[in-house]
Protein backbone atom coordinates (compact mmCIF):
# COMPACT_ATOMS: atom_id res chain seq x y z
CA UNK A 1 21.19 75.60 57.21
CA UNK A 2 21.53 72.35 55.25
CA UNK A 3 18.87 69.80 54.25
CA UNK A 4 16.14 71.60 56.21
CA UNK A 5 17.82 71.38 59.50
CA UNK A 6 16.54 73.96 61.98
CA UNK A 7 19.21 76.63 62.56
CA UNK A 8 16.65 79.28 63.34
CA UNK A 9 14.01 80.97 61.22
CA UNK A 10 15.82 80.46 57.89
CA UNK A 11 12.68 80.55 55.96
CA UNK A 12 10.23 82.82 54.28
CA UNK A 13 6.87 84.24 55.17
CA UNK A 14 4.84 82.89 52.25
CA UNK A 15 1.60 82.71 54.27
CA UNK A 16 -0.37 85.64 55.40
CA UNK A 17 0.80 86.47 59.06
CA UNK A 18 -1.64 85.44 61.73
CA UNK A 19 -1.92 86.71 65.25
CA UNK A 20 -1.48 84.32 68.19
CA UNK A 21 -5.17 84.38 68.69
CA UNK A 22 -5.75 83.15 65.12
CA UNK A 23 -7.11 86.33 63.63
CA UNK A 24 -5.82 86.89 60.12
CA UNK A 25 -4.40 90.31 59.37
CA UNK A 26 -3.41 91.41 55.89
CA UNK A 27 0.17 92.70 56.10
CA UNK A 28 0.65 95.47 53.62
CA UNK A 29 4.14 96.57 52.62
CA UNK A 30 5.23 99.78 54.39
CA UNK A 31 5.27 102.74 51.93
CA UNK A 32 8.78 103.75 52.92
CA UNK A 33 11.02 105.63 50.53
CA UNK A 34 14.11 103.98 48.95
CA UNK A 35 16.26 106.41 50.89
CA UNK A 36 14.67 105.37 54.18
CA UNK A 37 15.44 101.70 53.35
CA UNK A 38 19.00 102.45 52.48
CA UNK A 39 19.52 104.43 55.63
CA UNK A 40 18.07 101.48 57.65
CA UNK A 41 20.39 99.05 55.89
CA UNK A 42 23.38 101.14 56.95
CA UNK A 43 22.64 100.08 60.47
CA UNK A 44 22.80 96.32 59.53
CA UNK A 45 26.35 94.93 60.09
CA UNK A 46 26.84 93.17 56.69
CA UNK A 47 25.41 96.11 54.70
CA UNK A 48 27.03 98.96 56.53
CA UNK A 49 30.10 99.56 54.25
CA UNK A 50 28.48 98.74 50.83
CA UNK A 51 28.27 101.42 48.21
CA UNK A 52 25.07 103.44 47.83
CA UNK A 53 24.12 101.93 44.45
CA UNK A 54 24.41 98.36 45.80
CA UNK A 55 22.27 99.28 48.78
CA UNK A 56 19.69 101.08 46.57
CA UNK A 57 19.38 98.01 44.31
CA UNK A 58 18.85 95.70 47.33
CA UNK A 59 16.33 98.16 48.88
CA UNK A 60 14.41 98.51 45.58
CA UNK A 61 13.99 94.77 45.26
CA UNK A 62 12.98 94.24 49.03
CA UNK A 63 9.60 94.48 50.69
CA UNK A 64 9.49 96.66 53.81
CA UNK A 65 7.06 94.92 56.31
CA UNK A 66 6.03 95.59 59.92
CA UNK A 67 4.51 93.16 62.40
CA UNK A 68 2.99 94.04 65.76
CA UNK A 69 4.11 92.26 68.87
CA UNK A 70 2.38 88.91 69.31
CA UNK A 71 1.93 88.14 65.60
CA UNK A 72 2.80 84.66 64.34
CA UNK A 73 5.27 85.66 61.65
CA UNK A 74 5.84 82.24 60.14
CA UNK A 75 4.82 78.67 60.82
CA UNK A 76 6.55 75.28 60.65
CA UNK A 77 6.17 74.04 57.13
CA UNK A 78 6.10 77.44 55.44
CA UNK A 79 8.03 77.55 52.14
CA UNK A 80 11.57 79.08 52.26
CA UNK A 81 11.69 81.57 49.39
CA UNK A 82 12.96 84.84 50.89
CA UNK A 83 15.88 86.26 52.75
CA UNK A 84 15.01 88.44 55.82
CA UNK A 85 16.84 91.41 57.16
CA UNK A 86 15.55 92.50 60.67
CA UNK A 87 15.67 96.35 60.92
CA UNK A 88 13.78 96.74 64.18
CA UNK A 89 12.50 94.49 67.06
CA UNK A 90 13.00 90.88 68.03
CA UNK A 91 11.42 87.48 67.16
CA UNK A 92 11.50 84.10 68.93
CA UNK A 93 11.17 80.84 67.16
CA UNK A 94 9.96 77.48 68.60
CA UNK A 95 9.76 73.86 67.36
CA UNK A 96 5.98 74.18 67.26
CA UNK A 97 3.27 76.41 68.60
CA UNK A 98 2.87 74.47 71.87
CA UNK A 99 6.53 74.36 72.67
CA UNK A 100 8.18 76.75 75.18
CA UNK A 101 11.86 76.07 74.42
CA UNK A 102 13.23 78.87 72.21
CA UNK A 103 15.12 77.44 69.30
CA UNK A 104 16.24 80.73 67.80
CA UNK A 105 16.18 84.47 68.51
CA UNK A 106 16.24 87.00 65.75
CA UNK A 107 17.20 90.52 66.87
CA UNK A 108 17.80 93.71 64.95
CA UNK A 109 21.28 95.13 65.69
CA UNK A 110 22.79 91.76 66.54
CA UNK A 111 25.28 90.85 63.81
CA UNK A 112 24.80 87.16 64.34
CA UNK A 113 20.97 87.08 64.09
CA UNK A 114 19.88 90.18 62.14
CA UNK A 115 19.92 88.22 58.81
CA UNK A 116 17.69 85.19 58.55
CA UNK A 117 15.45 83.29 56.12
CA UNK A 118 16.84 81.66 53.03
CA UNK A 119 20.51 82.38 52.36
CA UNK A 120 22.59 81.86 49.18
CA UNK A 121 23.57 78.35 48.58
CA UNK A 122 21.38 77.00 51.33
CA UNK A 123 19.47 73.79 50.46
CA UNK A 124 16.64 74.45 52.95
CA UNK A 125 13.24 74.20 51.41
CA UNK A 126 10.78 74.96 54.33
CA UNK A 127 10.57 76.20 57.76
CA UNK A 128 11.26 73.88 60.65
CA UNK A 129 10.14 76.20 63.43
CA UNK A 130 7.29 78.66 64.23
CA UNK A 131 8.25 82.36 64.89
CA UNK A 132 6.48 85.04 66.90
CA UNK A 133 7.13 88.82 67.08
CA UNK A 134 8.13 89.51 70.62
CA UNK A 135 8.22 93.24 69.99
CA UNK A 136 7.07 95.30 67.10
CA UNK A 137 9.18 94.15 64.20
CA UNK A 138 10.23 95.88 61.01
CA UNK A 139 12.05 93.78 58.35
CA UNK A 140 13.00 93.62 54.70
CA UNK A 141 12.25 90.61 52.61
CA UNK A 142 14.48 89.82 49.59
CA UNK A 143 13.19 87.13 47.10
CA UNK A 144 15.35 83.95 46.40
CA UNK A 145 14.62 84.41 42.71
CA UNK A 146 16.96 87.44 42.68
CA UNK A 147 19.92 85.50 44.29
CA UNK A 148 21.71 84.96 40.87
CA UNK A 149 21.64 88.71 40.22
CA UNK A 150 22.65 89.39 43.80
CA UNK A 151 25.79 87.30 43.22
CA UNK A 152 26.64 89.41 40.19
CA UNK A 153 25.90 92.79 41.63
CA UNK A 154 27.07 92.40 45.30
CA UNK A 155 29.54 89.56 45.48
CA UNK A 156 31.01 90.88 48.78
CA UNK A 157 27.56 90.64 50.43
CA UNK A 158 27.09 87.06 49.12
CA UNK A 159 30.49 86.10 50.73
CA UNK A 160 29.37 87.52 54.06
CA UNK A 161 26.00 85.76 53.82
CA UNK A 162 27.73 82.41 53.17
CA UNK A 163 29.79 82.99 56.25
CA UNK A 164 26.73 83.60 58.33
CA UNK A 165 25.04 80.43 56.94
CA UNK A 166 28.24 78.38 57.58
CA UNK A 167 28.23 79.64 61.26
CA UNK A 168 24.54 78.65 61.67
CA UNK A 169 25.10 75.23 60.16
CA UNK A 170 27.90 74.76 62.63
CA UNK A 171 25.77 75.91 65.55
CA UNK A 172 22.85 73.64 64.34
CA UNK A 173 25.18 70.67 64.05
CA UNK A 174 26.46 71.30 67.53
CA UNK A 175 22.97 71.54 68.87
CA UNK A 176 21.93 68.32 67.16
CA UNK A 177 25.08 66.58 68.42
CA UNK A 178 24.28 67.64 71.93
CA UNK A 179 20.69 66.36 71.58
CA UNK A 180 22.04 63.15 70.13
CA UNK A 181 24.34 62.75 73.16
CA UNK A 182 21.39 63.51 75.48
CA UNK A 183 19.32 60.92 73.73
CA UNK A 184 22.07 58.37 74.07
CA UNK A 185 22.64 59.37 77.70
CA UNK A 186 18.87 58.99 78.31
CA UNK A 187 18.91 55.44 76.95
CA UNK A 188 22.06 54.56 78.96
CA UNK A 189 20.62 56.01 82.09
CA UNK A 190 17.44 54.02 81.69
CA UNK A 191 19.38 50.84 81.17
CA UNK A 192 21.65 51.57 84.05
CA UNK A 193 18.80 52.39 86.32
CA UNK A 194 17.41 48.89 85.56
CA UNK A 195 20.83 47.24 85.96
CA UNK A 196 21.44 49.01 89.30
CA UNK A 197 17.89 48.40 90.49
CA UNK A 198 18.10 44.61 90.30
CA UNK A 199 21.12 44.15 92.68
CA UNK A 200 19.92 47.02 94.83
CA UNK A 201 16.50 45.46 95.23
CA UNK A 202 18.13 42.06 95.89
CA UNK A 203 20.40 43.59 98.64
CA UNK A 204 17.44 45.25 100.27
CA UNK A 205 15.41 41.93 100.17
CA UNK A 206 18.33 39.98 101.58
CA UNK A 207 18.94 42.63 104.29
CA UNK A 208 15.38 42.40 105.46
CA UNK A 209 15.47 38.59 105.52
CA UNK A 210 18.80 38.81 107.45
CA UNK A 211 17.19 40.98 110.18
CA UNK A 212 14.37 38.32 110.57
CA UNK A 213 16.89 35.44 110.53
CA UNK A 214 19.04 37.10 113.23
CA UNK A 215 15.90 37.37 115.50
CA UNK A 216 15.31 33.63 114.98
CA UNK A 217 19.04 32.98 115.71
CA UNK A 218 18.83 34.87 118.99
CA UNK A 219 15.72 32.88 119.96
CA UNK A 220 17.35 29.63 119.06
CA UNK A 221 20.46 30.60 121.02
CA UNK A 222 18.51 31.40 124.13
CA UNK A 223 16.57 28.08 123.96
CA UNK A 224 19.86 26.23 123.56
CA UNK A 225 21.32 28.04 126.55
CA UNK A 226 18.47 26.67 128.66
CA UNK A 227 19.84 23.13 128.22
CA UNK A 228 22.58 22.11 130.86
CA UNK A 229 25.27 21.36 128.29
CA UNK A 230 28.87 20.43 129.27
CA UNK A 231 31.92 22.07 127.85
CA UNK A 232 32.55 19.04 125.79
CA UNK A 233 29.07 19.08 124.35
CA UNK A 234 29.28 22.83 123.60
CA UNK A 235 32.59 22.22 121.89
CA UNK A 236 31.05 19.52 119.71
CA UNK A 237 28.19 21.79 118.76
CA UNK A 238 30.67 24.52 117.87
CA UNK A 239 32.78 22.23 115.76
CA UNK A 240 29.66 20.92 113.89
CA UNK A 241 28.53 24.57 113.23
CA UNK A 242 32.02 25.62 112.03
CA UNK A 243 32.32 22.67 109.65
CA UNK A 244 28.80 23.39 108.25
CA UNK A 245 29.52 27.09 107.62
CA UNK A 246 33.00 26.45 106.11
CA UNK A 247 31.52 23.85 103.70
CA UNK A 248 28.78 26.25 102.57
CA UNK A 249 31.40 28.89 101.74
CA UNK A 250 33.63 26.61 99.74
CA UNK A 251 31.29 23.95 98.30
CA UNK A 252 30.61 23.86 94.58
CA UNK A 253 27.12 23.87 93.01
CA UNK A 254 25.23 20.62 93.40
CA UNK A 255 23.02 19.29 90.60
CA UNK A 256 19.28 19.43 91.34
CA UNK A 257 18.79 15.68 91.35
CA UNK A 258 21.45 15.01 93.98
CA UNK A 259 20.26 17.93 95.98
CA UNK A 260 16.68 16.63 96.01
CA UNK A 261 17.81 13.05 97.00
CA UNK A 262 19.86 14.25 99.93
CA UNK A 263 17.18 16.67 101.10
CA UNK A 264 14.74 13.68 101.12
CA UNK A 265 17.29 11.66 103.13
CA UNK A 266 17.86 14.42 105.70
CA UNK A 267 14.13 15.20 105.95
CA UNK A 268 13.47 11.55 106.74
CA UNK A 269 16.04 11.58 109.55
CA UNK A 270 14.60 14.77 111.06
CA UNK A 271 11.03 13.49 110.83
CA UNK A 272 12.14 10.19 112.46
CA UNK A 273 13.58 12.20 115.30
CA UNK A 274 10.50 14.33 115.96
CA UNK A 275 11.34 17.52 114.02
CA UNK A 276 8.21 19.09 112.68
CA UNK A 277 8.35 20.71 109.25
CA UNK A 278 11.72 19.17 108.45
CA UNK A 279 11.72 20.90 104.95
CA UNK A 280 12.50 24.13 106.55
CA UNK A 281 15.88 22.81 107.74
CA UNK A 282 16.81 20.18 105.11
CA UNK A 283 17.80 22.50 102.24
CA UNK A 284 20.32 24.51 104.25
CA UNK A 285 21.75 21.44 106.02
CA UNK A 286 22.27 19.55 102.79
CA UNK A 287 24.09 22.68 101.17
CA UNK A 288 26.23 22.64 104.28
CA UNK A 289 27.35 19.02 103.60
CA UNK A 290 25.26 17.58 106.44
CA UNK A 291 23.80 14.14 105.89
CA UNK A 292 22.10 11.49 108.05
CA UNK A 293 25.56 10.11 109.11
CA UNK A 294 26.65 13.55 110.42
CA UNK A 295 23.42 13.99 112.31
CA UNK A 296 23.77 10.54 113.91
CA UNK A 297 27.29 11.53 115.07
CA UNK A 298 26.10 14.78 116.45
CA UNK A 299 23.18 12.99 118.20
CA UNK A 300 25.81 10.80 119.88
CA UNK A 301 27.59 13.82 121.35
CA UNK A 302 24.71 16.01 122.52
CA UNK A 303 21.49 15.30 124.46
CA UNK A 304 18.59 14.29 122.27
CA UNK A 305 16.45 16.92 124.00
CA UNK A 306 18.76 19.74 122.64
CA UNK A 307 18.99 18.32 119.16
CA UNK A 308 16.19 20.43 117.65
CA UNK A 309 17.50 23.54 119.13
CA UNK A 310 20.96 22.84 117.99
CA UNK A 311 19.83 22.26 114.37
CA UNK A 312 17.55 25.38 114.56
CA UNK A 313 20.58 27.51 115.54
CA UNK A 314 22.77 25.90 112.87
CA UNK A 315 20.05 26.44 110.27
CA UNK A 316 19.77 30.17 111.21
CA UNK A 317 23.58 30.66 111.06
CA UNK A 318 23.67 29.00 107.63
CA UNK A 319 20.74 31.14 106.47
CA UNK A 320 22.45 34.30 107.80
CA UNK A 321 25.71 33.32 106.06
CA UNK A 322 23.85 32.76 102.74
CA UNK A 323 22.04 36.12 103.03
CA UNK A 324 25.26 37.99 103.88
CA UNK A 325 26.79 36.31 100.67
CA UNK A 326 23.86 37.52 98.70
CA UNK A 327 24.27 41.08 99.93
CA UNK A 328 27.96 40.96 99.12
CA UNK A 329 27.22 39.72 95.59
CA UNK A 330 24.59 42.39 94.98
CA UNK A 331 26.68 45.30 96.30
CA UNK A 332 29.66 43.98 94.40
CA UNK A 333 27.59 44.11 91.24
CA UNK A 334 26.64 47.65 92.06
CA UNK A 335 30.26 48.60 92.63
CA UNK A 336 31.23 47.00 89.28
CA UNK A 337 28.64 49.00 87.51
CA UNK A 338 29.77 52.30 89.12
CA UNK A 339 33.35 51.44 88.29
CA UNK A 340 32.41 50.73 84.68
CA UNK A 341 30.52 53.96 84.49
CA UNK A 342 33.46 55.85 85.83
CA UNK A 343 35.89 54.23 83.52
CA UNK A 344 33.51 54.54 80.60
CA UNK A 345 33.28 58.30 81.09
CA UNK A 346 36.91 58.62 82.30
CA UNK A 347 35.83 60.80 85.22
CA UNK A 348 38.54 62.65 87.06
CA UNK A 349 41.08 62.01 84.42
CA UNK A 350 42.95 64.16 81.91
CA UNK A 351 41.37 64.41 78.54
CA UNK A 352 44.11 62.36 76.78
CA UNK A 353 45.11 59.08 78.45
CA UNK A 354 47.01 55.87 77.59
CA UNK A 355 44.04 53.63 76.86
CA UNK A 356 43.40 49.85 77.19
CA UNK A 357 41.05 49.25 74.21
CA UNK A 358 39.88 45.96 75.74
CA UNK A 359 38.86 47.60 79.01
CA UNK A 360 36.96 50.26 77.07
CA UNK A 361 35.02 47.55 75.00
CA UNK A 362 34.27 45.50 78.17
CA UNK A 363 33.00 48.54 79.95
CA UNK A 364 30.81 49.52 76.99
CA UNK A 365 29.34 45.98 76.81
CA UNK A 366 28.72 46.09 80.50
CA UNK A 367 26.91 49.44 80.30
CA UNK A 368 24.83 48.19 77.35
CA UNK A 369 24.21 44.73 78.99
CA UNK A 370 20.48 45.67 79.58
CA UNK A 371 20.01 46.29 75.80
CA UNK A 372 21.85 43.10 74.80
CA UNK A 373 19.75 40.99 77.36
CA UNK A 374 16.51 42.64 76.20
CA UNK A 375 16.90 41.13 72.73
CA UNK A 376 18.80 37.99 73.92
CA UNK A 377 21.87 38.90 71.92
CA UNK A 378 24.83 36.46 72.20
CA UNK A 379 28.13 38.32 72.55
CA UNK A 380 31.45 36.79 71.47
CA UNK A 381 34.66 38.41 72.41
CA UNK A 382 37.81 37.60 70.30
CA UNK A 383 40.49 39.79 71.75
CA UNK A 384 44.12 39.77 70.52
CA UNK A 385 46.81 39.00 73.07
CA UNK A 386 49.33 41.61 74.18
CA UNK A 387 47.38 44.54 72.73
CA UNK A 388 49.43 47.71 73.34
CA UNK A 389 48.02 50.93 74.98
CA UNK A 390 47.22 53.86 72.77
CA UNK A 391 46.93 57.50 73.55
CA UNK A 392 43.52 59.00 72.95
CA UNK A 393 40.31 60.50 74.38
CA UNK A 394 38.85 57.63 76.36
CA UNK A 395 35.25 58.82 76.81
CA UNK A 396 35.11 59.70 73.01
CA UNK A 397 36.31 56.28 71.93
CA UNK A 398 33.78 54.67 74.17
CA UNK A 399 31.21 56.74 72.40
CA UNK A 400 32.45 55.16 69.15
CA UNK A 401 32.02 51.64 70.59
CA UNK A 402 28.62 52.59 71.95
CA UNK A 403 27.29 53.87 68.71
CA UNK A 404 28.55 50.93 66.70
CA UNK A 405 27.23 48.27 69.12
CA UNK A 406 23.86 50.03 69.55
CA UNK A 407 23.49 50.18 65.73
CA UNK A 408 24.35 46.47 65.55
CA UNK A 409 21.88 45.58 68.24
CA UNK A 410 19.14 47.59 66.52
CA UNK A 411 19.85 45.87 63.22
CA UNK A 412 19.39 42.33 64.68
CA UNK A 413 16.27 40.49 65.68
CA UNK A 414 15.94 38.64 68.98
CA UNK A 415 18.54 35.95 69.46
CA UNK A 416 21.10 37.72 67.26
CA UNK A 417 24.83 37.30 67.43
CA UNK A 418 27.29 40.09 68.13
CA UNK A 419 31.13 39.58 67.71
CA UNK A 420 33.63 42.06 69.06
CA UNK A 421 37.08 41.29 67.75
CA UNK A 422 40.59 43.11 68.14
CA UNK A 423 43.69 42.62 66.09
CA UNK A 424 47.17 44.13 66.28
CA UNK A 425 48.41 45.27 62.83
CA UNK A 426 51.86 46.59 61.94
CA UNK A 427 51.07 50.25 62.67
CA UNK A 428 47.48 50.13 63.97
CA UNK A 429 45.11 48.35 66.22
CA UNK A 430 41.94 47.12 64.68
CA UNK A 431 38.49 46.85 66.39
CA UNK A 432 35.83 44.93 64.60
CA UNK A 433 32.01 45.07 65.47
CA UNK A 434 30.16 42.29 63.52
CA UNK A 435 26.47 41.49 63.58
CA UNK A 436 24.18 38.97 61.82
CA UNK A 437 21.43 41.54 61.11
CA UNK A 438 19.62 42.42 58.03
CA UNK A 439 22.54 44.34 56.58
CA UNK A 440 22.85 47.84 55.12
CA UNK A 441 20.89 48.29 51.86
CA UNK A 442 23.20 49.04 48.92
CA UNK A 443 21.24 52.13 48.05
CA UNK A 444 22.23 53.96 51.23
CA UNK A 445 25.77 52.71 51.94
CA UNK A 446 27.33 55.75 50.35
CA UNK A 447 25.44 58.06 52.75
CA UNK A 448 25.53 56.34 56.20
CA UNK A 449 28.36 58.56 57.46
CA UNK A 450 26.53 61.74 56.40
CA UNK A 451 25.35 63.95 59.34
CA UNK A 452 21.62 63.80 59.91
CA UNK A 453 21.13 60.74 57.57
CA UNK A 454 19.28 57.91 59.23
CA UNK A 455 17.41 54.80 58.23
CA UNK A 456 15.58 54.52 61.50
CA UNK A 457 12.03 55.48 62.14
CA UNK A 458 11.15 59.12 63.09
CA UNK A 459 12.10 59.77 66.66
CA UNK A 460 14.31 56.88 66.96
CA UNK A 461 17.56 58.36 65.52
CA UNK A 462 19.01 61.73 64.67
CA UNK A 463 21.44 60.57 62.00
CA UNK A 464 24.44 61.63 64.00
CA UNK A 465 25.67 58.33 65.34
CA UNK A 466 27.89 57.26 62.54
CA UNK A 467 28.79 60.81 61.73
CA UNK A 468 30.03 61.05 65.34
CA UNK A 469 31.94 57.85 64.95
CA UNK A 470 33.68 59.02 61.79
CA UNK A 471 34.56 62.41 63.39
CA UNK A 472 36.09 60.81 66.56
CA UNK A 473 38.05 58.28 64.64
CA UNK A 474 39.42 60.96 62.38
CA UNK A 475 40.32 63.02 65.47
CA UNK A 476 42.46 60.08 66.49
CA UNK A 477 43.99 59.92 63.01
CA UNK A 478 42.35 56.46 62.35
CA UNK A 479 39.88 55.36 59.88
CA UNK A 480 36.55 53.50 59.84
CA UNK A 481 35.18 51.25 57.13
CA UNK A 482 32.46 48.73 56.78
CA UNK A 483 31.31 45.73 54.75
CA UNK A 484 27.71 44.49 54.66
CA UNK A 485 25.51 41.87 53.25
CA UNK A 486 22.30 40.24 54.55
CA UNK A 487 23.22 38.41 57.73
CA UNK A 488 26.78 39.88 58.05
CA UNK A 489 27.63 43.49 58.67
CA UNK A 490 31.09 44.35 59.88
CA UNK A 491 32.44 47.75 60.92
CA UNK A 492 36.30 48.02 61.30
CA UNK A 493 37.93 50.86 63.19
CA UNK A 494 41.69 51.28 62.95
CA UNK A 495 43.57 53.48 65.34
CA UNK A 496 47.32 54.26 65.11
CA UNK A 497 49.68 52.81 67.67
CA UNK A 498 51.56 55.52 69.37
C-alpha cells in the first residue's frame, strides 16, 4: 500500500488491544515453542517451502499473539511498524468504528489475505482502517526494524511479500478509481436531475394550463354556436383564426416596446367595443399579428353581438397553440439530454468505435451545463473544420473531457471563461481545454498526474482525476501536457489519427 492508502489492515498493533465495549485487556505473547511457530508457518502459503533455518529465524523474531472474538485489534491512526501473519481466525476492517462497510478481510489460510500489516518497501506510515477480530485470532507480529536483515536472510520471502503488496496496491487503486467514478457519477446525476427537472416541470405546468384552456375553448365554442351565423360569416371567422395561428407559429420575436404599444392599441379597441378585462386578450392577439385594423375588418364581417365570443375562442386557440409549443420545447429538451447521456456513455455500442471528437465534447458540455451555469462560466468553442473520425473508447474519452472541464471550472471564480479548441495536426488531433482560473502552483506541477495527489479540500477530490486522464490518453497512444500561469491554464490532449 502506497502513501497511506487503505488496502486493508497493513498496519501494526502498537496500541494495547481494546474490546468493542472499551475494556482494555493486556495482550501477553503466547508462550509457544519455536517448533510450534515453525509448524504454524508451514501452513502459510508464502512460508510453506522455506528451509527450516529461515523459518526458525523468522519465528524467533516474531511475537505470537492471540485475540478473542470481538476485540478491537487496531484502530485508524495506529502506527504501522510490524508485519502480521495470520495463523488462525479472521478479522474485518472498516473505515472507522461506526462504519458497516467492510474494507478488508484478513483470513488465515487465504493466500491473498493471510499476510498483512507493514510490508517491505511499503511507504505506509499508519493505519487507515479499524480492525476487529471476528473469530478467535492467532497471529505472528514481525517488526519493521528487522526488514533489512530479512532481505539478507530470506530474499525469496521478500520477493513474495513485494508481490503481495503490489497486488494490494493495484486492488486499492482499482477501488479508489471506482469510488472516483461513483463520485463523478453522483455529481453528474445531481446536475442531470436538475437539468431534466426544469423542462419536465415546465411540461407538466403547460399541460395543466392546456387542460384548463381547452375547457375555456369548449365553452367559447358553445357560446359562438348559439349565434345564428351564416356560412360566409363562419368562413370569415375560420380564415381570421387560421391567419392568427399561422402568424403565431412563424412570427419572430417582437421587442418589448413595440409589444407594449400594440397591446395598448388593441386593449383600447377592445375596451371601446365593450370587452371587459381587455388585457386578458390583448397579449395573445398582438403576438398573432392582430391589430385594430384587423379587428375592424372582422367586425365588418360578423355580427357585433358575436364579436366577444369570436375573440374569446381565438384567444383560447392561440393560448392552446402556445402551450402545445411549450410542451414540445420542454420534451425536446428532455429528449436532447437523454440522447446526450446515451452518446456520452456510448450505451448499446461496441467498446471501440469511430468517434467524432466534436460530438463528444458537445455532449460533455451539455451534461455539465448545470455546473457551468452555476458559476456563470462563459464557454467558447473553437472547433477545427473537417476533423477526421478517430478510433477509440468513446465513454473513456468523454471521461477525459469531463475531468479536464470540471477541474477548469473548479479553478475559476464566478464569471470565468472556458475555451474548448480543436486542431488537426499532421498525425494527431489536438483538443485544448483552457481556463482563466488561478493557475497551478509551480510547486505542485510535477505531481498533478500522480495518483491520489490533489490540491482540493478534503472530501472534494480523490486525486485520481488527472491520473485517470493520463491513463486513458496513454491507452489511446496519445499524450497530455499542460501550461499554466495565473489567469491562463491550458491542457492539451493529442490523439493519433487512425
